[in-house]
Amino acid sequence: MTKPRILVVEDEEKIARVLELELTYEGYEVGKALDGLNGFQLVQEQDWDLILLDVMLPGISGIELLRRIRSNDQSTPVIMLTAKSSVEDKVSGLDLGANDYVTKPFQIEELLARIRVALRLNQPKPKQQQIEIEQNWLQIAELKLSEMTHEVQIMGESIELTPREFDLLAYLLKHARQVLSREQILNGVWGYDYYGDTNIVDVYIRYLRNKIDKPYNTTLIHTVRGVGYVLKDA
């Protein structure tokens, strides 16, 4: 069985070395870059199953490197390593296409758990399930979503969503007309090992409403006070 390949882009050499040793011990094949430019070069030259990306990097920043990665690759999981702790700072990275973030200083066990979740969520779907996805759109009222083609349409018009917004909408559609708590949404979209603030759910619900409900004078995403949210057409 091929070892998952992880690229560590981290300018603090001691942290990069610790990550390299721990990940190698856990059975991963590890690449390492100490600045953004070298990291970008390794991204272009080799295939990786996951990227650990520090926000503050010399050469080009982690955010800029993330932009470059996502311009050509929407699927490789990226976990941001950041010293910033506010929800807004974390959302900025997630909104650009990061799959998760870990705030420094972090426990290696937490990071390893998040890596396992990200790799598991990125595994290819079984062939039969893939066929079913190709043949069907998830739909409610005039809103429909295709996981195969990564398309979202409402009233026949295409809508551009970030990767995290897309994942959240797909989860809501799969559980249409079912009231979901913030914890359920966190587990379903961000993963069971997510340890962040549940406010992140409210932030992304607001993003979706601004793209789906408000422009089309409709209300599909409903708030259930004291519980959570529900996607329904009536």
C-alpha atoms as a PDB file:
ATOM      1  CA  MET A   1       0.000   0.000   0.000  1.00  0.00           C
ATOM      2  CA  THR A   2       1.374   3.415  -1.026  1.00  0.00           C
ATOM      3  CA  LYS A   3       2.201   5.760   1.823  1.00  0.00           C
ATOM      4  CA  PRO A   4       0.262   9.049   1.795  1.00  0.00           C
ATOM      5  CA  ARG A   5       2.565  11.911   0.783  1.00  0.00           C
ATOM      6  CA  ILE A   6       2.490  15.070   2.901  1.00  0.00           C
ATOM      7  CA  LEU A   7       4.240  18.343   2.084  1.00  0.00           C
ATOM      8  CA  VAL A   8       5.221  20.528   5.062  1.00  0.00           C
ATOM      9  CA  VAL A   9       5.717  24.214   4.202  1.00  0.00           C
ATOM     10  CA  GLU A  10       6.996  25.819   7.412  1.00  0.00           C
ATOM     11  CA  ASP A  11       9.740  28.425   7.808  1.00  0.00           C
ATOM     12  CA  GLU A  12      10.564  27.665  11.458  1.00  0.00           C
ATOM     13  CA  GLU A  13      13.138  24.953  10.925  1.00  0.00           C
ATOM     14  CA  LYS A  14      12.707  23.312  14.343  1.00  0.00           C
ATOM     15  CA  ILE A  15       8.942  22.986  13.866  1.00  0.00           C
ATOM     16  CA  ALA A  16       9.407  21.712  10.322  1.00  0.00           C
ATOM     17  CA  ARG A  17      11.881  19.093  11.539  1.00  0.00           C
ATOM     18  CA  VAL A  18       9.594  17.935  14.357  1.00  0.00           C
ATOM     19  CA  LEU A  19       6.695  17.607  11.921  1.00  0.00           C
ATOM     20  CA  GLU A  20       8.887  15.704   9.484  1.00  0.00           C
ATOM     21  CA  LEU A  21       9.974  13.233  12.194  1.00  0.00           C
ATOM     22  CA  GLU A  22       6.483  12.745  13.657  1.00  0.00           C
ATOM     23  CA  LEU A  23       4.811  12.272  10.278  1.00  0.00           C
ATOM     24  CA  THR A  24       7.510   9.872   9.110  1.00  0.00           C
ATOM     25  CA  TYR A  25       7.057   7.886  12.337  1.00  0.00           C
ATOM     26  CA  GLU A  26       3.304   7.732  11.636  1.00  0.00           C
ATOM     27  CA  GLY A  27       3.992   6.145   8.259  1.00  0.00           C
ATOM     28  CA  TYR A  28       3.704   9.129   5.919  1.00  0.00           C
ATOM     29  CA  GLU A  29       6.142  10.082   3.180  1.00  0.00           C
ATOM     30  CA  VAL A  30       7.177  13.669   3.909  1.00  0.00           C
ATOM     31  CA  GLY A  31       8.480  16.554   1.824  1.00  0.00           C
ATOM     32  CA  LYS A  32       9.640  19.813   3.374  1.00  0.00           C
ATOM     33  CA  ALA A  33       9.982  23.432   2.288  1.00  0.00           C
ATOM     34  CA  LEU A  34      11.189  26.312   4.446  1.00  0.00           C
ATOM     35  CA  ASP A  35       9.763  29.161   2.367  1.00  0.00           C
ATOM     36  CA  GLY A  36       6.807  29.854   0.114  1.00  0.00           C
ATOM     37  CA  LEU A  37       8.696  29.842  -3.183  1.00  0.00           C
ATOM     38  CA  ASN A  38      10.285  26.455  -2.534  1.00  0.00           C
ATOM     39  CA  GLY A  39       6.906  25.166  -1.385  1.00  0.00           C
ATOM     40  CA  PHE A  40       5.283  26.352  -4.618  1.00  0.00           C
ATOM     41  CA  GLN A  41       8.022  24.664  -6.627  1.00  0.00           C
ATOM     42  CA  LEU A  42       7.446  21.333  -4.850  1.00  0.00           C
ATOM     43  CA  VAL A  43       3.678  21.669  -5.373  1.00  0.00           C
ATOM     44  CA  GLN A  44       4.235  22.112  -9.088  1.00  0.00           C
ATOM     45  CA  GLU A  45       6.801  19.348  -9.479  1.00  0.00           C
ATOM     46  CA  GLN A  46       5.252  16.567  -7.365  1.00  0.00           C
ATOM     47  CA  ASP A  47       1.903  15.120  -6.352  1.00  0.00           C
ATOM     48  CA  TRP A  48       0.890  15.361  -2.675  1.00  0.00           C
ATOM     49  CA  ASP A  49      -1.954  13.800  -0.738  1.00  0.00           C
ATOM     50  CA  LEU A  50      -2.024  16.657   1.799  1.00  0.00           C
ATOM     51  CA  ILE A  51      -0.244  19.966   2.402  1.00  0.00           C
ATOM     52  CA  LEU A  52       0.550  21.502   5.810  1.00  0.00           C
ATOM     53  CA  LEU A  53       0.927  25.203   5.101  1.00  0.00           C
ATOM     54  CA  ASP A  54       2.145  27.898   7.488  1.00  0.00           C
ATOM     55  CA  VAL A  55       0.476  31.293   7.040  1.00  0.00           C
ATOM     56  CA  MET A  56       3.579  33.430   7.691  1.00  0.00           C
ATOM     57  CA  LEU A  57       6.265  32.470   5.173  1.00  0.00           C
ATOM     58  CA  PRO A  58       9.204  34.271   3.530  1.00  0.00           C
ATOM     59  CA  GLY A  59       9.228  34.548  -0.243  1.00  0.00           C
ATOM     60  CA  ILE A  60       5.480  34.338  -0.737  1.00  0.00           C
ATOM     61  CA  SER A  61       2.970  34.103   2.086  1.00  0.00           C
ATOM     62  CA  GLY A  62       1.007  31.000   2.941  1.00  0.00           C
ATOM     63  CA  ILE A  63      -2.209  32.749   1.841  1.00  0.00           C
ATOM     64  CA  GLU A  64      -0.722  33.598  -1.559  1.00  0.00           C
ATOM     65  CA  LEU A  65       0.610  30.061  -1.919  1.00  0.00           C
ATOM     66  CA  LEU A  66      -2.867  28.742  -1.089  1.00  0.00           C
ATOM     67  CA  ARG A  67      -4.343  30.958  -3.820  1.00  0.00           C
ATOM     68  CA  ARG A  68      -1.863  29.555  -6.335  1.00  0.00           C
ATOM     69  CA  ILE A  69      -2.556  25.971  -5.281  1.00  0.00           C
ATOM     70  CA  ARG A  70      -6.331  26.410  -5.538  1.00  0.00           C
ATOM     71  CA  SER A  71      -6.111  28.084  -8.941  1.00  0.00           C
ATOM     72  CA  ASN A  72      -5.188  24.693 -10.417  1.00  0.00           C
ATOM     73  CA  ASP A  73      -6.061  22.149  -7.718  1.00  0.00           C
ATOM     74  CA  GLN A  74      -9.334  22.115  -5.804  1.00  0.00           C
ATOM     75  CA  SER A  75      -8.991  18.644  -4.300  1.00  0.00           C
ATOM     76  CA  THR A  76      -5.686  18.261  -2.411  1.00  0.00           C
ATOM     77  CA  PRO A  77      -6.401  18.869   1.304  1.00  0.00           C
ATOM     78  CA  VAL A  78      -4.614  21.899   2.772  1.00  0.00           C
ATOM     79  CA  ILE A  79      -4.326  22.416   6.529  1.00  0.00           C
ATOM     80  CA  MET A  80      -3.165  25.887   7.552  1.00  0.00           C
ATOM     81  CA  LEU A  81      -0.762  26.381  10.458  1.00  0.00           C
ATOM     82  CA  THR A  82      -1.289  29.805  11.986  1.00  0.00           C
ATOM     83  CA  ALA A  83      -0.442  31.789  15.090  1.00  0.00           C
ATOM     84  CA  LYS A  84      -3.576  33.880  14.606  1.00  0.00           C
ATOM     85  CA  SER A  85      -6.586  32.844  16.665  1.00  0.00           C
ATOM     86  CA  SER A  86      -9.546  35.111  15.754  1.00  0.00           C
ATOM     87  CA  VAL A  87     -12.473  33.647  13.824  1.00  0.00           C
ATOM     88  CA  GLU A  88     -12.028  36.260  11.072  1.00  0.00           C
ATOM     89  CA  ASP A  89      -8.409  35.293  10.431  1.00  0.00           C
ATOM     90  CA  LYS A  90      -9.296  31.622  10.286  1.00  0.00           C
ATOM     91  CA  VAL A  91     -12.242  32.233   7.989  1.00  0.00           C
ATOM     92  CA  SER A  92     -10.050  34.128   5.518  1.00  0.00           C
ATOM     93  CA  GLY A  93      -7.892  31.041   4.978  1.00  0.00           C
ATOM     94  CA  LEU A  94     -10.844  28.666   4.878  1.00  0.00           C
ATOM     95  CA  ASP A  95     -12.669  30.922   2.447  1.00  0.00           C
ATOM     96  CA  LEU A  96      -9.732  30.745   0.050  1.00  0.00           C
ATOM     97  CA  GLY A  97     -10.022  26.971  -0.027  1.00  0.00           C
ATOM     98  CA  ALA A  98      -8.148  25.619   2.996  1.00  0.00           C
ATOM     99  CA  ASN A  99      -9.725  22.479   4.430  1.00  0.00           C
ATOM    100  CA  ASP A 100      -8.800  23.141   8.044  1.00  0.00           C
ATOM    101  CA  TYR A 101      -6.509  25.125  10.305  1.00  0.00           C
ATOM    102  CA  VAL A 102      -4.454  24.467  13.415  1.00  0.00           C
ATOM    103  CA  THR A 103      -3.437  27.316  15.718  1.00  0.00           C
ATOM    104  CA  LYS A 104       0.103  27.388  17.092  1.00  0.00           C
ATOM    105  CA  PRO A 105       1.191  26.152  19.533  1.00  0.00           C
ATOM    106  CA  PHE A 106      -0.603  22.890  18.829  1.00  0.00           C
ATOM    107  CA  GLN A 107      -0.521  19.364  20.211  1.00  0.00           C
ATOM    108  CA  ILE A 108       0.876  16.906  17.668  1.00  0.00           C
ATOM    109  CA  GLU A 109      -1.948  14.464  18.487  1.00  0.00           C
ATOM    110  CA  GLU A 110      -4.531  17.056  17.444  1.00  0.00           C
ATOM    111  CA  LEU A 111      -2.714  17.750  14.188  1.00  0.00           C
ATOM    112  CA  LEU A 112      -2.411  14.041  13.394  1.00  0.00           C
ATOM    113  CA  ALA A 113      -6.138  13.598  14.019  1.00  0.00           C
ATOM    114  CA  ARG A 114      -6.988  16.433  11.645  1.00  0.00           C
ATOM    115  CA  ILE A 115      -4.654  14.968   9.004  1.00  0.00           C
ATOM    116  CA  ARG A 116      -6.394  11.584   9.255  1.00  0.00           C
ATOM    117  CA  VAL A 117      -9.801  13.235   8.841  1.00  0.00           C
ATOM    118  CA  ALA A 118      -8.696  15.292   5.830  1.00  0.00           C
ATOM    119  CA  LEU A 119      -7.140  12.277   4.109  1.00  0.00           C
ATOM    120  CA  ARG A 120     -10.204  10.139   4.813  1.00  0.00           C
ATOM    121  CA  LEU A 121     -12.601  12.744   3.424  1.00  0.00           C
ATOM    122  CA  ASN A 122     -10.481  13.036   0.273  1.00  0.00           C
ATOM    123  CA  GLN A 123     -10.550   9.321  -0.535  1.00  0.00           C
ATOM    124  CA  PRO A 124     -12.126   8.482  -3.923  1.00  0.00           C
ATOM    125  CA  LYS A 125     -15.711   7.323  -3.731  1.00  0.00           C
ATOM    126  CA  PRO A 126     -16.590   3.711  -4.627  1.00  0.00           C
ATOM    127  CA  LYS A 127     -17.387   3.203  -8.303  1.00  0.00           C
ATOM    128  CA  GLN A 128     -21.094   2.518  -7.810  1.00  0.00           C
ATOM    129  CA  GLN A 129     -21.501   5.580  -5.631  1.00  0.00           C
ATOM    130  CA  GLN A 130     -19.651   7.632  -8.224  1.00  0.00           C
ATOM    131  CA  ILE A 131     -22.055   6.437 -10.935  1.00  0.00           C
ATOM    132  CA  GLU A 132     -25.023   7.466  -8.806  1.00  0.00           C
ATOM    133  CA  ILE A 133     -23.509  10.921  -8.259  1.00  0.00           C
ATOM    134  CA  GLU A 134     -22.966  11.335 -12.013  1.00  0.00           C
ATOM    135  CA  GLN A 135     -26.581  10.496 -12.741  1.00  0.00           C
ATOM    136  CA  ASN A 136     -28.199  12.639 -10.058  1.00  0.00           C
ATOM    137  CA  TRP A 137     -28.251  16.203  -8.833  1.00  0.00           C
ATOM    138  CA  LEU A 138     -29.084  17.076  -5.255  1.00  0.00           C
ATOM    139  CA  GLN A 139     -32.078  19.394  -5.540  1.00  0.00           C
ATOM    140  CA  ILE A 140     -34.686  21.301  -3.574  1.00  0.00           C
ATOM    141  CA  ALA A 141     -37.052  23.813  -5.186  1.00  0.00           C
ATOM    142  CA  GLU A 142     -35.042  25.671  -7.866  1.00  0.00           C
ATOM    143  CA  LEU A 143     -31.679  24.964  -6.182  1.00  0.00           C
ATOM    144  CA  LYS A 144     -29.569  22.040  -7.381  1.00  0.00           C
ATOM    145  CA  LEU A 145     -26.017  20.853  -6.841  1.00  0.00           C
ATOM    146  CA  SER A 146     -23.804  18.269  -8.555  1.00  0.00           C
ATOM    147  CA  GLU A 147     -20.990  16.730  -6.506  1.00  0.00           C
ATOM    148  CA  MET A 148     -19.512  15.201  -9.654  1.00  0.00           C
ATOM    149  CA  THR A 149     -19.153  18.406 -11.669  1.00  0.00           C
ATOM    150  CA  HIS A 150     -18.983  20.751  -8.647  1.00  0.00           C
ATOM    151  CA  GLU A 151     -21.798  22.857 -10.136  1.00  0.00           C
ATOM    152  CA  VAL A 152     -24.463  24.795  -8.256  1.00  0.00           C
ATOM    153  CA  GLN A 153     -27.481  26.309  -9.977  1.00  0.00           C
ATOM    154  CA  ILE A 154     -30.542  28.225  -8.816  1.00  0.00           C
ATOM    155  CA  MET A 155     -33.357  29.145 -11.172  1.00  0.00           C
ATOM    156  CA  GLY A 156     -31.136  27.984 -14.020  1.00  0.00           C
ATOM    157  CA  GLU A 157     -28.281  30.337 -13.142  1.00  0.00           C
ATOM    158  CA  SER A 158     -24.845  29.105 -12.066  1.00  0.00           C
ATOM    159  CA  ILE A 159     -23.531  30.161  -8.646  1.00  0.00           C
ATOM    160  CA  GLU A 160     -19.860  30.353  -7.698  1.00  0.00           C
ATOM    161  CA  LEU A 161     -19.085  28.923  -4.243  1.00  0.00           C
ATOM    162  CA  THR A 162     -15.834  28.429  -2.356  1.00  0.00           C
ATOM    163  CA  PRO A 163     -14.917  24.801  -1.587  1.00  0.00           C
ATOM    164  CA  ARG A 164     -16.122  25.116   2.020  1.00  0.00           C
ATOM    165  CA  GLU A 165     -19.374  26.806   0.992  1.00  0.00           C
ATOM    166  CA  PHE A 166     -19.945  24.006  -1.525  1.00  0.00           C
ATOM    167  CA  ASP A 167     -19.356  21.309   1.106  1.00  0.00           C
ATOM    168  CA  LEU A 168     -21.752  23.013   3.511  1.00  0.00           C
ATOM    169  CA  LEU A 169     -24.487  23.361   0.889  1.00  0.00           C
ATOM    170  CA  ALA A 170     -24.055  19.728  -0.183  1.00  0.00           C
ATOM    171  CA  TYR A 171     -24.447  18.618   3.439  1.00  0.00           C
ATOM    172  CA  LEU A 172     -27.582  20.721   3.886  1.00  0.00           C
ATOM    173  CA  LEU A 173     -29.059  19.332   0.651  1.00  0.00           C
ATOM    174  CA  LYS A 174     -28.340  15.746   1.687  1.00  0.00           C
ATOM    175  CA  HIS A 175     -30.279  16.456   4.887  1.00  0.00           C
ATOM    176  CA  ALA A 176     -32.949  18.681   3.337  1.00  0.00           C
ATOM    177  CA  ARG A 177     -35.954  19.431   5.559  1.00  0.00           C
ATOM    178  CA  GLN A 178     -34.021  18.048   8.543  1.00  0.00           C
ATOM    179  CA  VAL A 179     -33.210  20.441  11.381  1.00  0.00           C
ATOM    180  CA  LEU A 180     -29.469  20.266  12.020  1.00  0.00           C
ATOM    181  CA  SER A 181     -27.617  21.535  15.074  1.00  0.00           C
ATOM    182  CA  ARG A 182     -24.368  23.469  14.719  1.00  0.00           C
ATOM    183  CA  GLU A 183     -22.524  20.463  16.149  1.00  0.00           C
ATOM    184  CA  GLN A 184     -24.036  18.159  13.501  1.00  0.00           C
ATOM    185  CA  ILE A 185     -23.018  20.557  10.761  1.00  0.00           C
ATOM    186  CA  LEU A 186     -19.493  20.889  12.179  1.00  0.00           C
ATOM    187  CA  ASN A 187     -19.108  17.115  12.304  1.00  0.00           C
ATOM    188  CA  GLY A 188     -20.527  16.617   8.828  1.00  0.00           C
ATOM    189  CA  VAL A 189     -18.639  19.392   7.053  1.00  0.00           C
ATOM    190  CA  TRP A 190     -15.508  20.130   9.112  1.00  0.00           C
ATOM    191  CA  GLY A 191     -15.024  16.632  10.562  1.00  0.00           C
ATOM    192  CA  TYR A 192     -15.369  14.938  13.947  1.00  0.00           C
ATOM    193  CA  ASP A 193     -11.902  16.067  15.002  1.00  0.00           C
ATOM    194  CA  TYR A 194     -12.624  19.762  14.479  1.00  0.00           C
ATOM    195  CA  TYR A 195     -11.940  21.653  17.711  1.00  0.00           C
ATOM    196  CA  GLY A 196     -12.734  25.197  16.592  1.00  0.00           C
ATOM    197  CA  ASP A 197     -15.526  27.598  17.507  1.00  0.00           C
ATOM    198  CA  THR A 198     -19.055  26.697  16.357  1.00  0.00           C
ATOM    199  CA  ASN A 199     -19.379  30.348  15.240  1.00  0.00           C
ATOM    200  CA  ILE A 200     -17.730  29.214  12.011  1.00  0.00           C
ATOM    201  CA  VAL A 201     -21.053  27.561  11.074  1.00  0.00           C
ATOM    202  CA  ASP A 202     -22.952  30.848  11.470  1.00  0.00           C
ATOM    203  CA  VAL A 203     -20.354  32.647   9.357  1.00  0.00           C
ATOM    204  CA  TYR A 204     -20.691  30.205   6.471  1.00  0.00           C
ATOM    205  CA  ILE A 205     -24.476  30.041   6.700  1.00  0.00           C
ATOM    206  CA  ARG A 206     -24.430  33.818   6.229  1.00  0.00           C
ATOM    207  CA  TYR A 207     -22.158  33.438   3.198  1.00  0.00           C
ATOM    208  CA  LEU A 208     -24.571  30.939   1.620  1.00  0.00           C
ATOM    209  CA  ARG A 209     -27.605  33.113   2.299  1.00  0.00           C
ATOM    210  CA  ASN A 210     -25.883  36.047   0.598  1.00  0.00           C
ATOM    211  CA  LYS A 211     -25.364  33.938  -2.520  1.00  0.00           C
ATOM    212  CA  ILE A 212     -28.516  31.784  -2.577  1.00  0.00           C
ATOM    213  CA  ASP A 213     -31.363  33.467  -0.734  1.00  0.00           C
ATOM    214  CA  LYS A 214     -30.880  37.234  -0.999  1.00  0.00           C
ATOM    215  CA  PRO A 215     -30.120  37.606  -4.739  1.00  0.00           C
ATOM    216  CA  TYR A 216     -33.136  35.488  -5.689  1.00  0.00           C
ATOM    217  CA  ASN A 217     -35.611  36.837  -3.140  1.00  0.00           C
ATOM    218  CA  THR A 218     -36.154  33.392  -1.674  1.00  0.00           C
ATOM    219  CA  THR A 219     -35.683  31.734   1.704  1.00  0.00           C
ATOM    220  CA  LEU A 220     -34.305  28.216   1.585  1.00  0.00           C
ATOM    221  CA  ILE A 221     -31.969  28.319   4.595  1.00  0.00           C
ATOM    222  CA  HIS A 222     -34.009  28.742   7.787  1.00  0.00           C
ATOM    223  CA  THR A 223     -32.825  29.363  11.345  1.00  0.00           C
ATOM    224  CA  VAL A 224     -34.449  27.229  14.044  1.00  0.00           C
ATOM    225  CA  ARG A 225     -33.910  29.254  17.193  1.00  0.00           C
ATOM    226  CA  GLY A 226     -32.100  27.370  19.920  1.00  0.00           C
ATOM    227  CA  VAL A 227     -31.400  24.418  17.641  1.00  0.00           C
ATOM    228  CA  GLY A 228     -29.640  25.226  14.386  1.00  0.00           C
ATOM    229  CA  TYR A 229     -30.544  25.384  10.695  1.00  0.00           C
ATOM    230  CA  VAL A 230     -32.713  23.646   8.124  1.00  0.00           C
ATOM    231  CA  LEU A 231     -32.777  23.770   4.318  1.00  0.00           C
ATOM    232  CA  LYS A 232     -36.344  23.577   3.076  1.00  0.00           C
ATOM    233  CA  ASP A 233     -38.581  24.994   0.360  1.00  0.00           C
ATOM    234  CA  ALA A 234     -41.641  25.837   2.445  1.00  0.00           C
END
